[in-house]
C-alpha atoms as a PDB file:
ATOM      1  CA  MET A   1     113.398 -33.929 125.192  1.00  0.00           C
ATOM      2  CA  ALA A   2     110.087 -35.475 126.213  1.00  0.00           C
ATOM      3  CA  PHE A   3     108.961 -36.056 122.629  1.00  0.00           C
ATOM      4  CA  ILE A   4     112.060 -38.149 121.912  1.00  0.00           C
ATOM      5  CA  LYS A   5     111.526 -40.296 125.013  1.00  0.00           C
ATOM      6  CA  LEU A   6     107.860 -40.867 124.228  1.00  0.00           C
ATOM      7  CA  THR A   7     108.616 -41.628 120.578  1.00  0.00           C
ATOM      8  CA  LYS A   8     111.303 -44.145 121.519  1.00  0.00           C
ATOM      9  CA  LYS A   9     108.852 -45.802 123.882  1.00  0.00           C
ATOM     10  CA  ILE A  10     106.256 -46.136 121.118  1.00  0.00           C
ATOM     11  CA  LEU A  11     108.778 -47.463 118.609  1.00  0.00           C
ATOM     12  CA  ALA A  12     110.360 -49.905 121.036  1.00  0.00           C
ATOM     13  CA  SER A  13     106.991 -51.538 121.676  1.00  0.00           C
ATOM     14  CA  ASN A  14     105.878 -51.616 118.026  1.00  0.00           C
ATOM     15  CA  VAL A  15     108.908 -52.490 115.890  1.00  0.00           C
ATOM     16  CA  SER A  16     111.199 -55.497 115.901  1.00  0.00           C
ATOM     17  CA  ASN A  17     114.446 -55.513 117.872  1.00  0.00           C
ATOM     18  CA  GLU A  18     116.379 -55.373 114.599  1.00  0.00           C
ATOM     19  CA  GLU A  19     114.461 -52.320 113.400  1.00  0.00           C
ATOM     20  CA  PHE A  20     114.903 -50.513 116.701  1.00  0.00           C
ATOM     21  CA  LEU A  21     118.632 -51.302 116.764  1.00  0.00           C
ATOM     22  CA  TRP A  22     118.931 -49.919 113.214  1.00  0.00           C
ATOM     23  CA  LEU A  23     117.409 -46.639 114.378  1.00  0.00           C
ATOM     24  CA  GLU A  24     119.659 -46.425 117.421  1.00  0.00           C
ATOM     25  CA  ASN A  25     122.717 -47.156 115.292  1.00  0.00           C
ATOM     26  CA  ILE A  26     121.774 -44.395 112.822  1.00  0.00           C
ATOM     27  CA  ILE A  27     121.428 -41.920 115.685  1.00  0.00           C
ATOM     28  CA  PHE A  28     124.737 -42.997 117.233  1.00  0.00           C
ATOM     29  CA  VAL A  29     126.715 -42.810 113.973  1.00  0.00           C
ATOM     30  CA  SER A  30     125.133 -39.447 113.062  1.00  0.00           C
ATOM     31  CA  ARG A  31     127.040 -37.794 115.889  1.00  0.00           C
ATOM     32  CA  GLU A  32     130.019 -37.837 113.570  1.00  0.00           C
ATOM     33  CA  ASN A  33     128.139 -37.159 110.325  1.00  0.00           C
ATOM     34  CA  GLU A  34     124.635 -35.689 110.292  1.00  0.00           C
ATOM     35  CA  ARG A  35     124.222 -36.416 106.585  1.00  0.00           C
ATOM     36  CA  ILE A  36     123.476 -39.965 107.663  1.00  0.00           C
ATOM     37  CA  LEU A  37     120.252 -38.637 109.196  1.00  0.00           C
ATOM     38  CA  GLN A  38     119.221 -37.154 105.847  1.00  0.00           C
ATOM     39  CA  THR A  39     119.793 -40.500 104.117  1.00  0.00           C
ATOM     40  CA  ALA A  40     117.933 -42.410 106.823  1.00  0.00           C
ATOM     41  CA  PHE A  41     114.958 -40.051 106.619  1.00  0.00           C
ATOM     42  CA  ILE A  42     114.587 -40.686 102.881  1.00  0.00           C
ATOM     43  CA  ALA A  43     115.219 -44.435 103.149  1.00  0.00           C
ATOM     44  CA  MET A  44     112.873 -44.957 106.104  1.00  0.00           C
ATOM     45  CA  PRO A  45     110.160 -46.984 104.277  1.00  0.00           C
ATOM     46  CA  LYS A  46     112.763 -49.664 103.504  1.00  0.00           C
ATOM     47  CA  TYR A  47     113.342 -50.252 107.205  1.00  0.00           C
ATOM     48  CA  ILE A  48     110.230 -49.250 109.175  1.00  0.00           C
ATOM     49  CA  LYS A  49     106.708 -50.197 108.106  1.00  0.00           C
ATOM     50  CA  ASN A  50     103.931 -47.743 107.317  1.00  0.00           C
ATOM     51  CA  THR A  51     101.724 -49.209 110.029  1.00  0.00           C
ATOM     52  CA  ALA A  52      99.198 -47.118 111.945  1.00  0.00           C
ATOM     53  CA  VAL A  53      99.788 -46.700 115.669  1.00  0.00           C
ATOM     54  CA  VAL A  54      96.932 -46.545 118.172  1.00  0.00           C
ATOM     55  CA  LEU A  55      98.115 -44.365 121.030  1.00  0.00           C
ATOM     56  CA  ASP A  56      97.283 -45.202 124.600  1.00  0.00           C
ATOM     57  CA  PRO A  57      95.193 -42.397 126.201  1.00  0.00           C
ATOM     58  CA  GLU A  58      97.868 -41.850 128.833  1.00  0.00           C
ATOM     59  CA  ILE A  59     100.537 -41.458 126.160  1.00  0.00           C
ATOM     60  CA  LYS A  60      98.332 -38.902 124.395  1.00  0.00           C
ATOM     61  CA  LYS A  61      98.106 -36.923 127.633  1.00  0.00           C
ATOM     62  CA  GLN A  62     101.880 -36.935 127.974  1.00  0.00           C
ATOM     63  CA  PHE A  63     102.335 -35.644 124.431  1.00  0.00           C
ATOM     64  CA  LEU A  64      99.788 -32.883 125.011  1.00  0.00           C
ATOM     65  CA  ALA A  65     101.433 -31.914 128.287  1.00  0.00           C
ATOM     66  CA  ASN A  66     104.911 -31.700 126.769  1.00  0.00           C
ATOM     67  CA  VAL A  67     104.483 -30.472 123.187  1.00  0.00           C
ATOM     68  CA  ASN A  68     100.884 -29.175 123.089  1.00  0.00           C
ATOM     69  CA  PHE A  69      99.708 -31.656 120.454  1.00  0.00           C
ATOM     70  CA  SER A  70      99.205 -35.366 120.043  1.00  0.00           C
ATOM     71  CA  PRO A  71     100.594 -37.365 117.086  1.00  0.00           C
ATOM     72  CA  ASP A  72      97.404 -39.391 116.981  1.00  0.00           C
ATOM     73  CA  GLY A  73      97.124 -41.487 113.837  1.00  0.00           C
ATOM     74  CA  TRP A  74     100.832 -41.336 112.977  1.00  0.00           C
ATOM     75  CA  SER A  75     102.331 -44.443 111.391  1.00  0.00           C
ATOM     76  CA  LEU A  76     105.428 -46.224 112.659  1.00  0.00           C
ATOM     77  CA  ASP A  77     107.640 -44.836 109.899  1.00  0.00           C
ATOM     78  CA  LYS A  78     106.398 -41.334 110.723  1.00  0.00           C
ATOM     79  CA  PHE A  79     107.403 -41.714 114.367  1.00  0.00           C
ATOM     80  CA  ALA A  80     110.773 -43.044 113.215  1.00  0.00           C
ATOM     81  CA  ARG A  81     111.237 -40.079 110.892  1.00  0.00           C
ATOM     82  CA  ALA A  82     110.374 -37.728 113.737  1.00  0.00           C
ATOM     83  CA  LEU A  83     113.035 -39.403 115.851  1.00  0.00           C
ATOM     84  CA  ILE A  84     115.557 -38.900 113.064  1.00  0.00           C
ATOM     85  CA  ILE A  85     114.636 -35.229 112.574  1.00  0.00           C
ATOM     86  CA  LEU A  86     114.912 -34.486 116.281  1.00  0.00           C
ATOM     87  CA  HIS A  87     118.518 -35.637 116.321  1.00  0.00           C
ATOM     88  CA  PHE A  88     119.750 -32.878 114.035  1.00  0.00           C
ATOM     89  CA  ASN A  89     121.869 -30.620 116.217  1.00  0.00           C
ATOM     90  CA  PRO A  90     120.165 -27.194 116.565  1.00  0.00           C
ATOM     91  CA  GLU A  91     123.046 -25.389 118.251  1.00  0.00           C
ATOM     92  CA  ASN A  92     124.255 -23.741 115.036  1.00  0.00           C
ATOM     93  CA  GLU A  93     121.225 -22.148 113.333  1.00  0.00           C
ATOM     94  CA  LYS A  94     122.747 -21.973 109.843  1.00  0.00           C
ATOM     95  CA  ASN A  95     123.980 -25.580 109.879  1.00  0.00           C
ATOM     96  CA  TYR A  96     120.669 -26.773 111.265  1.00  0.00           C
ATOM     97  CA  ILE A  97     118.635 -25.042 108.572  1.00  0.00           C
ATOM     98  CA  ASP A  98     121.089 -26.081 105.843  1.00  0.00           C
ATOM     99  CA  ARG A  99     120.610 -29.730 106.848  1.00  0.00           C
ATOM    100  CA  LEU A 100     116.799 -29.630 106.950  1.00  0.00           C
ATOM    101  CA  ASN A 101     116.009 -27.388 103.968  1.00  0.00           C
ATOM    102  CA  PRO A 102     117.127 -29.974 101.362  1.00  0.00           C
ATOM    103  CA  LEU A 103     114.681 -32.484 102.858  1.00  0.00           C
ATOM    104  CA  PHE A 104     111.801 -30.065 102.255  1.00  0.00           C
ATOM    105  CA  GLU A 105     113.047 -29.168  98.783  1.00  0.00           C
ATOM    106  CA  SER A 106     113.455 -32.734  97.488  1.00  0.00           C
ATOM    107  CA  ALA A 107     110.654 -34.438  99.425  1.00  0.00           C
ATOM    108  CA  GLU A 108     108.061 -36.632  97.771  1.00  0.00           C
ATOM    109  CA  MET A 109     104.491 -36.501  99.084  1.00  0.00           C
ATOM    110  CA  ASN A 110     104.819 -38.744 102.159  1.00  0.00           C
ATOM    111  CA  GLU A 111     108.112 -37.177 103.164  1.00  0.00           C
ATOM    112  CA  LEU A 112     106.660 -33.684 102.818  1.00  0.00           C
ATOM    113  CA  ALA A 113     103.590 -34.643 104.829  1.00  0.00           C
ATOM    114  CA  ALA A 114     105.833 -35.988 107.571  1.00  0.00           C
ATOM    115  CA  LEU A 115     108.011 -32.875 107.613  1.00  0.00           C
ATOM    116  CA  ASN A 116     104.986 -30.611 107.951  1.00  0.00           C
ATOM    117  CA  SER A 117     103.709 -32.715 110.814  1.00  0.00           C
ATOM    118  CA  PHE A 118     107.078 -32.196 112.528  1.00  0.00           C
ATOM    119  CA  ILE A 119     107.258 -28.419 112.053  1.00  0.00           C
ATOM    120  CA  PRO A 120     106.068 -27.695 115.619  1.00  0.00           C
ATOM    121  CA  LEU A 121     109.043 -29.696 116.881  1.00  0.00           C
ATOM    122  CA  LEU A 122     111.711 -27.906 114.850  1.00  0.00           C
ATOM    123  CA  SER A 123     114.034 -25.273 116.253  1.00  0.00           C
ATOM    124  CA  TYR A 124     113.898 -21.700 114.897  1.00  0.00           C
ATOM    125  CA  PRO A 125     110.128 -21.907 114.216  1.00  0.00           C
ATOM    126  CA  LYS A 126     109.844 -18.679 112.195  1.00  0.00           C
ATOM    127  CA  ASN A 127     112.234 -20.108 109.627  1.00  0.00           C
ATOM    128  CA  TRP A 128     109.642 -22.688 108.553  1.00  0.00           C
ATOM    129  CA  LEU A 129     106.824 -20.264 107.758  1.00  0.00           C
ATOM    130  CA  THR A 130     107.423 -20.480 104.007  1.00  0.00           C
ATOM    131  CA  GLN A 131     107.286 -24.277 104.029  1.00  0.00           C
ATOM    132  CA  ALA A 132     104.145 -24.307 106.166  1.00  0.00           C
ATOM    133  CA  LYS A 133     102.342 -21.797 103.943  1.00  0.00           C
ATOM    134  CA  GLU A 134     103.318 -23.789 100.862  1.00  0.00           C
ATOM    135  CA  ALA A 135     101.733 -26.856 102.483  1.00  0.00           C
ATOM    136  CA  VAL A 136      98.459 -24.939 102.828  1.00  0.00           C
ATOM    137  CA  ARG A 137      98.542 -24.180  99.102  1.00  0.00           C
ATOM    138  CA  SER A 138      99.494 -27.750  98.187  1.00  0.00           C
ATOM    139  CA  ASN A 139      97.143 -29.812  96.026  1.00  0.00           C
ATOM    140  CA  MET A 140      98.412 -32.962  97.751  1.00  0.00           C
ATOM    141  CA  GLY A 141      95.830 -33.924 100.356  1.00  0.00           C
ATOM    142  CA  PRO A 142      98.192 -35.580 102.878  1.00  0.00           C
ATOM    143  CA  VAL A 143     100.513 -32.549 102.806  1.00  0.00           C
ATOM    144  CA  PHE A 144      97.665 -30.109 103.443  1.00  0.00           C
ATOM    145  CA  ASP A 145      96.219 -32.332 106.170  1.00  0.00           C
ATOM    146  CA  ALA A 146      99.613 -32.516 107.892  1.00  0.00           C
ATOM    147  CA  ILE A 147      99.801 -28.757 108.391  1.00  0.00           C
ATOM    148  CA  ALA A 148      96.069 -28.139 108.873  1.00  0.00           C
ATOM    149  CA  PHE A 149      94.998 -30.785 111.386  1.00  0.00           C
ATOM    150  CA  ASN A 150      96.239 -31.514 114.908  1.00  0.00           C
ATOM    151  CA  ASN A 151      99.138 -29.154 114.264  1.00  0.00           C
ATOM    152  CA  PRO A 152      99.685 -26.127 116.542  1.00  0.00           C
ATOM    153  CA  TYR A 153     102.158 -24.399 114.220  1.00  0.00           C
ATOM    154  CA  PRO A 154      99.656 -22.445 112.057  1.00  0.00           C
ATOM    155  CA  SER A 155      97.678 -21.098 115.022  1.00  0.00           C
ATOM    156  CA  GLU A 156     100.889 -19.998 116.734  1.00  0.00           C
ATOM    157  CA  HIS A 157     102.756 -18.500 113.767  1.00  0.00           C
ATOM    158  CA  PHE A 158     100.473 -17.714 110.806  1.00  0.00           C
ATOM    159  CA  ASP A 159      99.347 -14.173 110.113  1.00  0.00           C
ATOM    160  CA  GLU A 160      95.596 -13.607 109.785  1.00  0.00           C
ATOM    161  CA  ALA A 161      95.508 -13.923 106.000  1.00  0.00           C
ATOM    162  CA  SER A 162      97.371 -17.236 105.978  1.00  0.00           C
ATOM    163  CA  TRP A 163      95.273 -18.547 108.845  1.00  0.00           C
ATOM    164  CA  ASN A 164      92.035 -17.628 107.119  1.00  0.00           C
ATOM    165  CA  LEU A 165      93.201 -19.330 103.917  1.00  0.00           C
ATOM    166  CA  LEU A 166      93.873 -22.553 105.830  1.00  0.00           C
ATOM    167  CA  VAL A 167      90.408 -22.557 107.401  1.00  0.00           C
ATOM    168  CA  LEU A 168      88.612 -21.641 104.182  1.00  0.00           C
ATOM    169  CA  LYS A 169      90.457 -24.288 102.177  1.00  0.00           C
ATOM    170  CA  THR A 170      89.431 -26.872 104.769  1.00  0.00           C
ATOM    171  CA  ILE A 171      85.800 -25.843 104.366  1.00  0.00           C
ATOM    172  CA  PHE A 172      86.068 -25.643 100.568  1.00  0.00           C
ATOM    173  CA  CYS A 173      87.489 -29.177 100.413  1.00  0.00           C
ATOM    174  CA  GLY A 174      84.585 -30.489 102.466  1.00  0.00           C
ATOM    175  CA  LYS A 175      86.793 -31.483 105.392  1.00  0.00           C
ATOM    176  CA  SER A 176      85.858 -31.057 109.028  1.00  0.00           C
ATOM    177  CA  ILE A 177      87.310 -28.049 110.823  1.00  0.00           C
ATOM    178  CA  ARG A 178      87.161 -29.935 114.130  1.00  0.00           C
ATOM    179  CA  ASN A 179      90.815 -30.933 114.123  1.00  0.00           C
ATOM    180  CA  ILE A 180      92.235 -27.494 113.336  1.00  0.00           C
ATOM    181  CA  HIS A 181      94.333 -26.549 116.344  1.00  0.00           C
ATOM    182  CA  GLY A 182      93.451 -23.178 117.883  1.00  0.00           C
ATOM    183  CA  LEU A 183      90.314 -22.707 115.766  1.00  0.00           C
ATOM    184  CA  LYS A 184      88.299 -20.780 118.331  1.00  0.00           C
ATOM    185  CA  GLU A 185      91.253 -18.709 119.521  1.00  0.00           C
ATOM    186  CA  ARG A 186      92.121 -17.566 115.980  1.00  0.00           C
ATOM    187  CA  ALA A 187      88.539 -16.875 114.842  1.00  0.00           C
ATOM    188  CA  ASN A 188      88.228 -13.351 113.473  1.00  0.00           C
ATOM    189  CA  GLN A 189      85.656 -11.038 111.936  1.00  0.00           C
ATOM    190  CA  LYS A 190      87.175 -11.104 108.468  1.00  0.00           C
ATOM    191  CA  LEU A 191      87.067 -14.907 108.450  1.00  0.00           C
ATOM    192  CA  ALA A 192      83.442 -14.846 109.612  1.00  0.00           C
ATOM    193  CA  HIS A 193      82.456 -12.666 106.663  1.00  0.00           C
ATOM    194  CA  MET A 194      84.536 -14.762 104.253  1.00  0.00           C
ATOM    195  CA  ILE A 195      82.640 -17.834 105.424  1.00  0.00           C
ATOM    196  CA  SER A 196      79.404 -15.936 104.845  1.00  0.00           C
ATOM    197  CA  ASP A 197      80.485 -15.093 101.285  1.00  0.00           C
ATOM    198  CA  PHE A 198      81.395 -18.721 100.655  1.00  0.00           C
ATOM    199  CA  ALA A 199      78.031 -19.861 102.024  1.00  0.00           C
ATOM    200  CA  HIS A 200      76.231 -17.466  99.672  1.00  0.00           C
ATOM    201  CA  ALA A 201      78.140 -18.926  96.715  1.00  0.00           C
ATOM    202  CA  ARG A 202      77.223 -22.454  97.784  1.00  0.00           C
ATOM    203  CA  TRP A 203      73.583 -21.576  98.252  1.00  0.00           C
ATOM    204  CA  ALA A 204      73.452 -19.844  94.877  1.00  0.00           C
ATOM    205  CA  ALA A 205      74.678 -23.087  93.322  1.00  0.00           C
ATOM    206  CA  ASP A 206      72.035 -25.016  95.263  1.00  0.00           C
ATOM    207  CA  LYS A 207      74.727 -26.641  97.427  1.00  0.00           C
ATOM    208  CA  THR A 208      75.173 -26.861 101.183  1.00  0.00           C
ATOM    209  CA  ILE A 209      77.865 -25.887 103.671  1.00  0.00           C
ATOM    210  CA  SER A 210      78.735 -27.854 106.802  1.00  0.00           C
ATOM    211  CA  PRO A 211      76.724 -26.577 109.807  1.00  0.00           C
ATOM    212  CA  GLU A 212      79.802 -26.712 112.021  1.00  0.00           C
ATOM    213  CA  VAL A 213      81.372 -23.678 110.319  1.00  0.00           C
ATOM    214  CA  TRP A 214      78.849 -21.310 111.918  1.00  0.00           C
ATOM    215  CA  GLU A 215      80.528 -21.885 115.240  1.00  0.00           C
ATOM    216  CA  ILE A 216      83.395 -19.721 113.940  1.00  0.00           C
ATOM    217  CA  VAL A 217      80.942 -17.042 112.845  1.00  0.00           C
ATOM    218  CA  THR A 218      79.001 -16.881 116.135  1.00  0.00           C
ATOM    219  CA  PRO A 219      81.271 -14.415 118.030  1.00  0.00           C
ATOM    220  CA  PHE A 220      81.036 -11.939 115.143  1.00  0.00           C
ATOM    221  CA  ILE A 221      77.319 -12.003 114.353  1.00  0.00           C
ATOM    222  CA  ASP A 222      76.130  -8.598 113.176  1.00  0.00           C
ATOM    223  CA  TYR A 223      73.177  -7.382 111.131  1.00  0.00           C
ATOM    224  CA  HIS A 224      74.779  -8.661 107.912  1.00  0.00           C
ATOM    225  CA  LEU A 225      75.424 -12.140 109.299  1.00  0.00           C
ATOM    226  CA  MET A 226      71.981 -12.260 110.907  1.00  0.00           C
ATOM    227  CA  ASN A 227      70.524 -12.842 107.446  1.00  0.00           C
ATOM    228  CA  ASP A 228      72.607 -16.015 107.140  1.00  0.00           C
ATOM    229  CA  ILE A 229      71.520 -17.250 110.541  1.00  0.00           C
ATOM    230  CA  GLU A 230      67.871 -16.689 109.668  1.00  0.00           C
ATOM    231  CA  LYS A 231      68.383 -18.611 106.428  1.00  0.00           C
ATOM    232  CA  LEU A 232      69.677 -21.503 108.511  1.00  0.00           C
ATOM    233  CA  PHE A 233      66.567 -21.371 110.679  1.00  0.00           C
ATOM    234  CA  GLN A 234      64.481 -21.643 107.521  1.00  0.00           C
ATOM    235  CA  SER A 235      66.488 -24.546 106.117  1.00  0.00           C
ATOM    236  CA  GLU A 236      64.906 -27.981 105.752  1.00  0.00           C
ATOM    237  CA  ASN A 237      68.122 -29.456 107.134  1.00  0.00           C
ATOM    238  CA  ILE A 238      67.682 -30.082 110.863  1.00  0.00           C
ATOM    239  CA  GLN A 239      71.423 -29.603 111.450  1.00  0.00           C
ATOM    240  CA  ASP A 240      71.296 -26.144 109.901  1.00  0.00           C
ATOM    241  CA  GLN A 241      68.452 -25.297 112.268  1.00  0.00           C
ATOM    242  CA  TYR A 242      70.443 -26.566 115.236  1.00  0.00           C
ATOM    243  CA  ALA A 243      73.451 -24.524 114.115  1.00  0.00           C
ATOM    244  CA  ALA A 244      71.322 -21.373 113.891  1.00  0.00           C
ATOM    245  CA  LYS A 245      69.818 -21.863 117.314  1.00  0.00           C
ATOM    246  CA  LEU A 246      73.168 -22.583 118.948  1.00  0.00           C
ATOM    247  CA  SER A 247      74.684 -19.511 117.289  1.00  0.00           C
ATOM    248  CA  CYS A 248      71.910 -17.293 118.630  1.00  0.00           C
ATOM    249  CA  MET A 249      72.143 -18.840 122.079  1.00  0.00           C
ATOM    250  CA  GLN A 250      75.888 -18.245 122.241  1.00  0.00           C
ATOM    251  CA  SER A 251      75.961 -14.813 120.588  1.00  0.00           C
ATOM    252  CA  ASP A 252      76.158 -11.577 122.596  1.00  0.00           C
ATOM    253  CA  PHE A 253      74.403  -9.700 119.785  1.00  0.00           C
ATOM    254  CA  LYS A 254      70.993  -8.644 121.135  1.00  0.00           C
ATOM    255  CA  PRO A 255      69.109  -8.974 117.807  1.00  0.00           C
ATOM    256  CA  ALA A 256      70.301 -12.601 117.710  1.00  0.00           C
ATOM    257  CA  LYS A 257      68.510 -13.208 120.995  1.00  0.00           C
ATOM    258  CA  ASN A 258      65.376 -11.705 119.481  1.00  0.00           C
ATOM    259  CA  LEU A 259      65.734 -13.963 116.448  1.00  0.00           C
ATOM    260  CA  LEU A 260      65.980 -16.912 118.793  1.00  0.00           C
ATOM    261  CA  LYS A 261      62.557 -16.067 120.207  1.00  0.00           C
ATOM    262  CA  LYS A 262      61.107 -16.070 116.684  1.00  0.00           C
ATOM    263  CA  TYR A 263      62.139 -19.659 116.026  1.00  0.00           C
ATOM    264  CA  THR A 264      61.235 -21.989 118.858  1.00  0.00           C
ATOM    265  CA  ASP A 265      61.765 -25.356 117.133  1.00  0.00           C
ATOM    266  CA  PRO A 266      63.639 -27.612 117.062  1.00  0.00           C
ATOM    267  CA  ILE A 267      64.554 -27.942 120.749  1.00  0.00           C
ATOM    268  CA  ILE A 268      68.253 -28.438 121.291  1.00  0.00           C
ATOM    269  CA  SER A 269      69.289 -30.995 123.856  1.00  0.00           C
ATOM    270  CA  GLU A 270      72.383 -30.443 125.987  1.00  0.00           C
ATOM    271  CA  GLU A 271      73.951 -33.469 124.348  1.00  0.00           C
ATOM    272  CA  TYR A 272      73.684 -32.038 120.825  1.00  0.00           C
ATOM    273  CA  LYS A 273      76.909 -31.366 118.994  1.00  0.00           C
ATOM    274  CA  PHE A 274      77.575 -30.238 115.471  1.00  0.00           C
ATOM    275  CA  SER A 275      78.082 -33.276 113.299  1.00  0.00           C
ATOM    276  CA  ASN A 276      81.492 -33.871 111.767  1.00  0.00           C
ATOM    277  CA  GLN A 277      81.038 -33.908 108.023  1.00  0.00           C
END
């Protein structure tokens, strides 16, 4: 598996020889007893440091080409845990699930965050829907971030309601939606109107909403949502005004084009991008 080869390459160049040999020995011995993998997963911080890894751009490309996501920002112990997880034998579905489920059930925060990061790599993907949805509802930030950001699993397997909850919780928590995998592909009309309702609640409380969220709304602009876009045009926040103009420029809704003519300033440069807030 390409992910295993790439992960071994990263670990070999970032951990000591002793640490790498420990990992290889665990993997070798686990051929006779997979419970050793469970123990190693839990004990990982004792052996491999929680040190951030800066991925080479070429390595990122290889990850994207082989598994459709990049483990950018993972720590050394997280890569090591991924290596451990990927050596559970998936040939027997029941045995495979019986080995991994206890890790989810007994995990502390960092372990659970790691497991949710690995979900796209696990066999029998539909089996992990419950765990992934629980991560969305989690009040532990690292666990939510692990399933929400740079993770293709939700966009590929969540139903619309679960997907919309993930996006809305991201917005509610004041986190950027930029790193949600498949955001544009999974945009939907119901989500657009839910974002509108959330914006109204924020405005009523004299609070703001990140301008970047209107990019999700743009494909679904209708007469109801036009009122929100016009409010953005009238905002004193220059980024809100940019968001409104970009939405009208990109919308196929004819009244949006007419609204664009009404507000001629500010001028948007080609280099402008929504800010990440």
